[in-house]
PDB file of N, CA and C in Angstrom:
ATOM      1  N   MET A   1      13.844  17.328 -68.205  1.00  0.00           N
ATOM      2  CA  MET A   1      14.925  18.137 -68.340  1.00  0.00           C
ATOM      3  C   MET A   1      14.865  19.134 -67.269  1.00  0.00           C
ATOM      4  N   THR A   2      15.897  19.528 -66.733  1.00  0.00           N
ATOM      5  CA  THR A   2      15.901  20.460 -65.521  1.00  0.00           C
ATOM      6  C   THR A   2      15.905  21.810 -65.918  1.00  0.00           C
ATOM      7  N   VAL A   3      15.593  22.728 -65.243  1.00  0.00           N
ATOM      8  CA  VAL A   3      15.620  24.218 -65.372  1.00  0.00           C
ATOM      9  C   VAL A   3      17.066  24.520 -65.650  1.00  0.00           C
ATOM     10  N   GLU A   4      18.178  24.227 -65.130  1.00  0.00           N
ATOM     11  CA  GLU A   4      19.471  24.930 -65.383  1.00  0.00           C
ATOM     12  C   GLU A   4      20.030  24.448 -66.755  1.00  0.00           C
ATOM     13  N   ARG A   5      19.576  22.993 -67.111  1.00  0.00           N
ATOM     14  CA  ARG A   5      19.904  22.594 -68.589  1.00  0.00           C
ATOM     15  C   ARG A   5      18.993  23.430 -69.573  1.00  0.00           C
ATOM     16  N   ALA A   6      17.812  23.792 -69.449  1.00  0.00           N
ATOM     17  CA  ALA A   6      17.115  24.524 -70.334  1.00  0.00           C
ATOM     18  C   ALA A   6      17.736  25.739 -70.407  1.00  0.00           C
ATOM     19  N   LEU A   7      18.043  26.377 -69.301  1.00  0.00           N
ATOM     20  CA  LEU A   7      18.401  27.815 -69.409  1.00  0.00           C
ATOM     21  C   LEU A   7      19.750  28.051 -70.103  1.00  0.00           C
ATOM     22  N   ARG A   8      20.587  26.964 -69.864  1.00  0.00           N
ATOM     23  CA  ARG A   8      21.781  26.910 -70.654  1.00  0.00           C
ATOM     24  C   ARG A   8      21.377  26.808 -71.916  1.00  0.00           C
ATOM     25  N   GLY A   9      20.432  26.061 -72.817  1.00  0.00           N
ATOM     26  CA  GLY A   9      20.085  25.838 -74.143  1.00  0.00           C
ATOM     27  C   GLY A   9      19.413  27.287 -74.683  1.00  0.00           C
ATOM     28  N   LEU A  10      18.599  27.591 -73.742  1.00  0.00           N
ATOM     29  CA  LEU A  10      17.979  29.124 -74.110  1.00  0.00           C
ATOM     30  C   LEU A  10      18.836  30.163 -74.388  1.00  0.00           C
ATOM     31  N   ALA A  11      19.925  30.121 -73.322  1.00  0.00           N
ATOM     32  CA  ALA A  11      20.731  31.269 -73.323  1.00  0.00           C
ATOM     33  C   ALA A  11      21.768  31.040 -74.545  1.00  0.00           C
ATOM     34  N   GLY A  12      22.234  29.728 -74.970  1.00  0.00           N
ATOM     35  CA  GLY A  12      23.172  29.745 -76.225  1.00  0.00           C
ATOM     36  C   GLY A  12      22.368  29.962 -77.463  1.00  0.00           C
ATOM     37  N   PHE A  13      20.981  29.611 -77.421  1.00  0.00           N
ATOM     38  CA  PHE A  13      20.263  29.730 -78.573  1.00  0.00           C
ATOM     39  C   PHE A  13      20.037  31.354 -78.740  1.00  0.00           C
ATOM     40  N   PHE A  14      19.730  32.206 -77.834  1.00  0.00           N
ATOM     41  CA  PHE A  14      19.643  33.772 -77.861  1.00  0.00           C
ATOM     42  C   PHE A  14      20.965  34.351 -78.407  1.00  0.00           C
ATOM     43  N   VAL A  15      21.857  33.747 -77.778  1.00  0.00           N
ATOM     44  CA  VAL A  15      23.430  34.177 -78.195  1.00  0.00           C
ATOM     45  C   VAL A  15      23.586  34.074 -79.574  1.00  0.00           C
ATOM     46  N   MET A  16      23.498  32.884 -80.216  1.00  0.00           N
ATOM     47  CA  MET A  16      23.740  32.369 -81.438  1.00  0.00           C
ATOM     48  C   MET A  16      22.628  33.312 -82.443  1.00  0.00           C
ATOM     49  N   VAL A  17      21.388  33.562 -81.935  1.00  0.00           N
ATOM     50  CA  VAL A  17      20.476  34.247 -82.780  1.00  0.00           C
ATOM     51  C   VAL A  17      20.801  35.668 -82.668  1.00  0.00           C
ATOM     52  N   SER A  18      21.290  36.338 -81.655  1.00  0.00           N
ATOM     53  CA  SER A  18      21.408  37.962 -81.645  1.00  0.00           C
ATOM     54  C   SER A  18      22.861  38.015 -82.321  1.00  0.00           C
ATOM     55  N   LEU A  19      23.803  37.202 -82.575  1.00  0.00           N
ATOM     56  CA  LEU A  19      25.065  37.371 -83.251  1.00  0.00           C
ATOM     57  C   LEU A  19      24.793  37.311 -84.685  1.00  0.00           C
ATOM     58  N   ALA A  20      23.970  36.442 -85.199  1.00  0.00           N
ATOM     59  CA  ALA A  20      23.597  36.444 -86.497  1.00  0.00           C
ATOM     60  C   ALA A  20      22.761  37.690 -87.101  1.00  0.00           C
ATOM     61  N   LEU A  21      21.772  38.106 -86.103  1.00  0.00           N
ATOM     62  CA  LEU A  21      21.167  39.247 -86.294  1.00  0.00           C
ATOM     63  C   LEU A  21      22.027  40.518 -86.373  1.00  0.00           C
ATOM     64  N   GLY A  22      23.011  40.516 -85.458  1.00  0.00           N
ATOM     65  CA  GLY A  22      23.883  41.525 -85.292  1.00  0.00           C
ATOM     66  C   GLY A  22      24.707  41.650 -86.797  1.00  0.00           C
ATOM     67  N   TYR A  23      25.213  40.307 -87.123  1.00  0.00           N
ATOM     68  CA  TYR A  23      26.021  40.584 -88.514  1.00  0.00           C
ATOM     69  C   TYR A  23      25.131  40.738 -89.740  1.00  0.00           C
ATOM     70  N   TRP A  24      23.946  40.263 -89.502  1.00  0.00           N
ATOM     71  CA  TRP A  24      23.197  40.418 -91.235  1.00  0.00           C
ATOM     72  C   TRP A  24      22.192  41.330 -91.036  1.00  0.00           C
ATOM     73  N   VAL A  25      21.739  41.865 -89.957  1.00  0.00           N
ATOM     74  CA  VAL A  25      20.427  42.931 -89.802  1.00  0.00           C
ATOM     75  C   VAL A  25      21.107  44.302 -89.183  1.00  0.00           C
ATOM     76  N   SER A  26      21.534  44.409 -88.064  1.00  0.00           N
ATOM     77  CA  SER A  26      22.125  45.535 -87.452  1.00  0.00           C
ATOM     78  C   SER A  26      22.892  45.143 -86.266  1.00  0.00           C
ATOM     79  N   PRO A  27      23.906  46.099 -86.263  1.00  0.00           N
ATOM     80  CA  PRO A  27      24.886  45.752 -85.126  1.00  0.00           C
ATOM     81  C   PRO A  27      24.309  46.041 -83.708  1.00  0.00           C
ATOM     82  N   ALA A  28      23.121  46.711 -83.635  1.00  0.00           N
ATOM     83  CA  ALA A  28      22.425  47.176 -82.430  1.00  0.00           C
ATOM     84  C   ALA A  28      21.975  45.768 -81.664  1.00  0.00           C
ATOM     85  N   TRP A  29      21.856  44.636 -82.343  1.00  0.00           N
ATOM     86  CA  TRP A  29      21.411  43.172 -81.927  1.00  0.00           C
ATOM     87  C   TRP A  29      22.682  42.788 -80.829  1.00  0.00           C
ATOM     88  N   TYR A  30      23.929  43.426 -81.121  1.00  0.00           N
ATOM     89  CA  TYR A  30      24.940  42.834 -80.193  1.00  0.00           C
ATOM     90  C   TYR A  30      24.596  43.385 -78.494  1.00  0.00           C
ATOM     91  N   LEU A  31      23.712  44.150 -78.556  1.00  0.00           N
ATOM     92  CA  LEU A  31      23.434  44.716 -77.261  1.00  0.00           C
ATOM     93  C   LEU A  31      22.577  43.814 -76.544  1.00  0.00           C
ATOM     94  N   PHE A  32      21.665  42.901 -77.442  1.00  0.00           N
ATOM     95  CA  PHE A  32      20.963  41.866 -76.799  1.00  0.00           C
ATOM     96  C   PHE A  32      21.918  40.616 -76.268  1.00  0.00           C
ATOM     97  N   THR A  33      23.048  40.443 -77.142  1.00  0.00           N
ATOM     98  CA  THR A  33      24.028  39.357 -76.920  1.00  0.00           C
ATOM     99  C   THR A  33      24.793  39.846 -75.495  1.00  0.00           C
ATOM    100  N   ALA A  34      24.889  41.181 -75.353  1.00  0.00           N
ATOM    101  CA  ALA A  34      25.584  41.637 -73.981  1.00  0.00           C
ATOM    102  C   ALA A  34      24.574  41.461 -72.826  1.00  0.00           C
ATOM    103  N   PHE A  35      23.466  41.540 -73.080  1.00  0.00           N
ATOM    104  CA  PHE A  35      22.296  41.552 -71.876  1.00  0.00           C
ATOM    105  C   PHE A  35      22.293  40.247 -71.643  1.00  0.00           C
ATOM    106  N   VAL A  36      22.180  39.025 -72.539  1.00  0.00           N
ATOM    107  CA  VAL A  36      22.282  37.688 -72.070  1.00  0.00           C
ATOM    108  C   VAL A  36      23.485  37.235 -71.255  1.00  0.00           C
ATOM    109  N   GLY A  37      24.624  37.880 -71.659  1.00  0.00           N
ATOM    110  CA  GLY A  37      25.791  37.666 -71.205  1.00  0.00           C
ATOM    111  C   GLY A  37      25.822  38.165 -69.561  1.00  0.00           C
ATOM    112  N   LEU A  38      25.517  39.316 -69.526  1.00  0.00           N
ATOM    113  CA  LEU A  38      25.202  39.910 -68.119  1.00  0.00           C
ATOM    114  C   LEU A  38      24.213  39.260 -67.224  1.00  0.00           C
ATOM    115  N   ASN A  39      23.201  38.594 -68.103  1.00  0.00           N
ATOM    116  CA  ASN A  39      22.386  38.047 -67.152  1.00  0.00           C
ATOM    117  C   ASN A  39      22.923  36.638 -66.709  1.00  0.00           C
ATOM    118  N   LEU A  40      23.556  35.890 -67.546  1.00  0.00           N
ATOM    119  CA  LEU A  40      24.074  34.695 -67.168  1.00  0.00           C
ATOM    120  C   LEU A  40      25.238  34.912 -65.931  1.00  0.00           C
ATOM    121  N   PHE A  41      25.916  35.934 -66.276  1.00  0.00           N
ATOM    122  CA  PHE A  41      27.088  36.555 -65.214  1.00  0.00           C
ATOM    123  C   PHE A  41      26.363  36.398 -63.806  1.00  0.00           C
ATOM    124  N   GLN A  42      25.319  37.603 -63.753  1.00  0.00           N
ATOM    125  CA  GLN A  42      24.852  37.848 -62.456  1.00  0.00           C
ATOM    126  C   GLN A  42      23.939  36.521 -61.829  1.00  0.00           C
ATOM    127  N   SER A  43      23.557  35.597 -62.626  1.00  0.00           N
ATOM    128  CA  SER A  43      22.804  34.500 -62.312  1.00  0.00           C
ATOM    129  C   SER A  43      23.768  33.503 -61.516  1.00  0.00           C
ATOM    130  N   ALA A  44      25.312  33.375 -62.077  1.00  0.00           N
ATOM    131  CA  ALA A  44      26.135  32.464 -61.490  1.00  0.00           C
ATOM    132  C   ALA A  44      26.392  32.814 -59.854  1.00  0.00           C
ATOM    133  N   PHE A  45      26.107  34.201 -59.727  1.00  0.00           N
ATOM    134  CA  PHE A  45      26.460  34.501 -58.219  1.00  0.00           C
ATOM    135  C   PHE A  45      25.104  34.411 -57.354  1.00  0.00           C
ATOM    136  N   THR A  46      23.954  34.869 -58.165  1.00  0.00           N
ATOM    137  CA  THR A  46      22.507  35.079 -57.283  1.00  0.00           C
ATOM    138  C   THR A  46      21.967  33.876 -57.479  1.00  0.00           C
ATOM    139  N   ASN A  47      22.228  32.888 -58.306  1.00  0.00           N
ATOM    140  CA  ASN A  47      21.178  31.698 -58.679  1.00  0.00           C
ATOM    141  C   ASN A  47      19.902  31.879 -58.698  1.00  0.00           C
ATOM    142  N   TRP A  48      19.789  33.125 -59.337  1.00  0.00           N
ATOM    143  CA  TRP A  48      18.422  33.625 -59.909  1.00  0.00           C
ATOM    144  C   TRP A  48      18.432  34.228 -61.331  1.00  0.00           C
ATOM    145  N   CYS A  49      17.519  34.034 -62.032  1.00  0.00           N
ATOM    146  CA  CYS A  49      17.529  34.485 -63.543  1.00  0.00           C
ATOM    147  C   CYS A  49      15.946  34.462 -63.971  1.00  0.00           C
ATOM    148  N   PRO A  50      15.619  35.459 -64.452  1.00  0.00           N
ATOM    149  CA  PRO A  50      13.960  35.808 -64.773  1.00  0.00           C
ATOM    150  C   PRO A  50      13.554  34.446 -65.685  1.00  0.00           C
ATOM    151  N   ALA A  51      14.500  34.166 -66.601  1.00  0.00           N
ATOM    152  CA  ALA A  51      14.034  32.797 -67.330  1.00  0.00           C
ATOM    153  C   ALA A  51      13.848  31.483 -66.547  1.00  0.00           C
ATOM    154  N   MET A  52      14.733  31.425 -65.505  1.00  0.00           N
ATOM    155  CA  MET A  52      14.552  30.195 -64.508  1.00  0.00           C
ATOM    156  C   MET A  52      13.127  30.364 -63.730  1.00  0.00           C
ATOM    157  N   TRP A  53      12.702  31.418 -63.450  1.00  0.00           N
ATOM    158  CA  TRP A  53      11.543  31.694 -62.741  1.00  0.00           C
ATOM    159  C   TRP A  53      10.373  31.257 -63.996  1.00  0.00           C
ATOM    160  N   ALA A  54      10.480  31.855 -65.075  1.00  0.00           N
ATOM    161  CA  ALA A  54       9.442  31.496 -66.009  1.00  0.00           C
ATOM    162  C   ALA A  54       9.485  29.957 -66.363  1.00  0.00           C
ATOM    163  N   MET A  55      10.561  29.381 -66.531  1.00  0.00           N
ATOM    164  CA  MET A  55      10.605  27.938 -66.766  1.00  0.00           C
ATOM    165  C   MET A  55       9.952  26.931 -65.853  1.00  0.00           C
ATOM    166  N   GLN A  56      10.123  27.434 -64.394  1.00  0.00           N
ATOM    167  CA  GLN A  56       9.854  26.608 -63.403  1.00  0.00           C
ATOM    168  C   GLN A  56       8.325  26.659 -63.284  1.00  0.00           C
ATOM    169  N   ARG A  57       7.716  27.903 -63.597  1.00  0.00           N
ATOM    170  CA  ARG A  57       6.241  28.128 -63.534  1.00  0.00           C
ATOM    171  C   ARG A  57       5.391  27.146 -64.526  1.00  0.00           C
ATOM    172  N   PHE A  58       6.046  27.026 -65.803  1.00  0.00           N
ATOM    173  CA  PHE A  58       5.427  26.417 -66.808  1.00  0.00           C
ATOM    174  C   PHE A  58       5.688  25.013 -66.961  1.00  0.00           C
ATOM    175  N   TRP A  59       6.853  24.544 -66.594  1.00  0.00           N
ATOM    176  CA  TRP A  59       6.891  22.860 -66.946  1.00  0.00           C
ATOM    177  C   TRP A  59       8.041  22.182 -66.418  1.00  0.00           C
ATOM    178  N   LEU A  60       9.072  22.847 -66.223  1.00  0.00           N
ATOM    179  CA  LEU A  60      10.498  22.218 -65.922  1.00  0.00           C
ATOM    180  C   LEU A  60      10.663  21.985 -64.332  1.00  0.00           C
ATOM    181  N   LYS A  61      11.212  21.024 -64.042  1.00  0.00           N
ATOM    182  CA  LYS A  61      11.427  20.653 -62.508  1.00  0.00           C
ATOM    183  C   LYS A  61      12.755  21.644 -62.099  1.00  0.00           C
ATOM    184  N   PRO A  62      12.706  21.812 -60.766  1.00  0.00           N
ATOM    185  CA  PRO A  62      13.984  22.548 -60.294  1.00  0.00           C
ATOM    186  C   PRO A  62      15.224  21.579 -60.451  1.00  0.00           C
ATOM    187  N   PRO A  63      16.316  22.364 -60.092  1.00  0.00           N
ATOM    188  CA  PRO A  63      17.700  21.428 -60.243  1.00  0.00           C
ATOM    189  C   PRO A  63      17.585  20.531 -59.075  1.00  0.00           C
ATOM    190  N   ALA A  64      18.405  19.351 -59.354  1.00  0.00           N
ATOM    191  CA  ALA A  64      18.456  18.239 -58.550  1.00  0.00           C
ATOM    192  C   ALA A  64      18.967  18.549 -56.859  1.00  0.00           C
ATOM    193  N   SER A  65      19.729  19.622 -57.164  1.00  0.00           N
ATOM    194  CA  SER A  65      20.677  20.066 -55.833  1.00  0.00           C
ATOM    195  C   SER A  65      19.472  20.874 -54.838  1.00  0.00           C
ATOM    196  N   CYS A  66      18.375  21.199 -55.189  1.00  0.00           N
ATOM    197  CA  CYS A  66      17.436  22.012 -54.598  1.00  0.00           C
ATOM    198  C   CYS A  66      16.442  21.069 -53.855  1.00  0.00           C
ATOM    199  N   CYS A  67      15.896  21.578 -52.694  1.00  0.00           N
ATOM    200  CA  CYS A  67      14.983  21.027 -51.816  1.00  0.00           C
ATOM    201  C   CYS A  67      15.159  19.697 -51.166  1.00  0.00           C
ATOM    202  N   GLY A  68      16.576  19.624 -50.751  1.00  0.00           N
ATOM    203  CA  GLY A  68      16.759  18.402 -50.037  1.00  0.00           C
ATOM    204  C   GLY A  68      16.754  17.007 -50.924  1.00  0.00           C
ATOM    205  N   THR A  69      16.981  16.983 -51.964  1.00  0.00           N
ATOM    206  CA  THR A  69      16.953  15.702 -52.733  1.00  0.00           C
ATOM    207  C   THR A  69      18.390  15.142 -52.782  1.00  0.00           C
ATOM    208  N   GLU A  70      18.512  14.103 -53.242  1.00  0.00           N
ATOM    209  CA  GLU A  70      19.875  13.578 -53.255  1.00  0.00           C
ATOM    210  C   GLU A  70      20.469  13.639 -54.488  1.00  0.00           C
ATOM    211  N   VAL A  71      21.909  14.166 -54.588  1.00  0.00           N
ATOM    212  CA  VAL A  71      22.619  14.421 -55.758  1.00  0.00           C
ATOM    213  C   VAL A  71      23.865  13.510 -55.543  1.00  0.00           C
ATOM    214  N   ARG A  72      23.996  12.356 -56.621  1.00  0.00           N
ATOM    215  CA  ARG A  72      25.271  11.787 -56.531  1.00  0.00           C
ATOM    216  C   ARG A  72      25.720  11.276 -55.277  1.00  0.00           C
ATOM    217  N   GLY A  73      25.041  10.652 -54.527  1.00  0.00           N
ATOM    218  CA  GLY A  73      25.351  10.173 -53.145  1.00  0.00           C
ATOM    219  C   GLY A  73      25.337  11.055 -52.120  1.00  0.00           C
ATOM    220  N   HIS A  74      25.195  12.330 -52.232  1.00  0.00           N
ATOM    221  CA  HIS A  74      25.052  13.325 -50.922  1.00  0.00           C
ATOM    222  C   HIS A  74      23.808  13.948 -51.018  1.00  0.00           C
ATOM    223  N   THR A  75      23.418  14.358 -49.956  1.00  0.00           N
ATOM    224  CA  THR A  75      22.277  15.179 -49.634  1.00  0.00           C
ATOM    225  C   THR A  75      22.358  16.554 -49.684  1.00  0.00           C
ATOM    226  N   ALA A  76      21.384  17.269 -50.151  1.00  0.00           N
ATOM    227  CA  ALA A  76      21.673  18.682 -50.401  1.00  0.00           C
ATOM    228  C   ALA A  76      21.169  19.547 -48.819  1.00  0.00           C
TER     229      ALA A  76
END
C-alpha cells in the first residue's frame, strides 16, 4: 500500500468518525471534520501532509510517481 492510498483511507475514517461523534456526542466534533478537510485541501496544492510524513517514517512506501520510478509507461 502506498502513502497516498493510506492517507485517503485515514482521512475518510477520520471524517466518518468525527461526523458520528458530532451527531451523537457533541457538535464540537465537526471542527475536527473541518480540520481534516482543510488539511486535505492544502495537501492537494503542497503535496505535503503531516500524516504522510508519519506514514513514510513507519512502514509505507512513497507514491509511485516519486523518486524517478516508472509510472504507467512514463518516467517521473
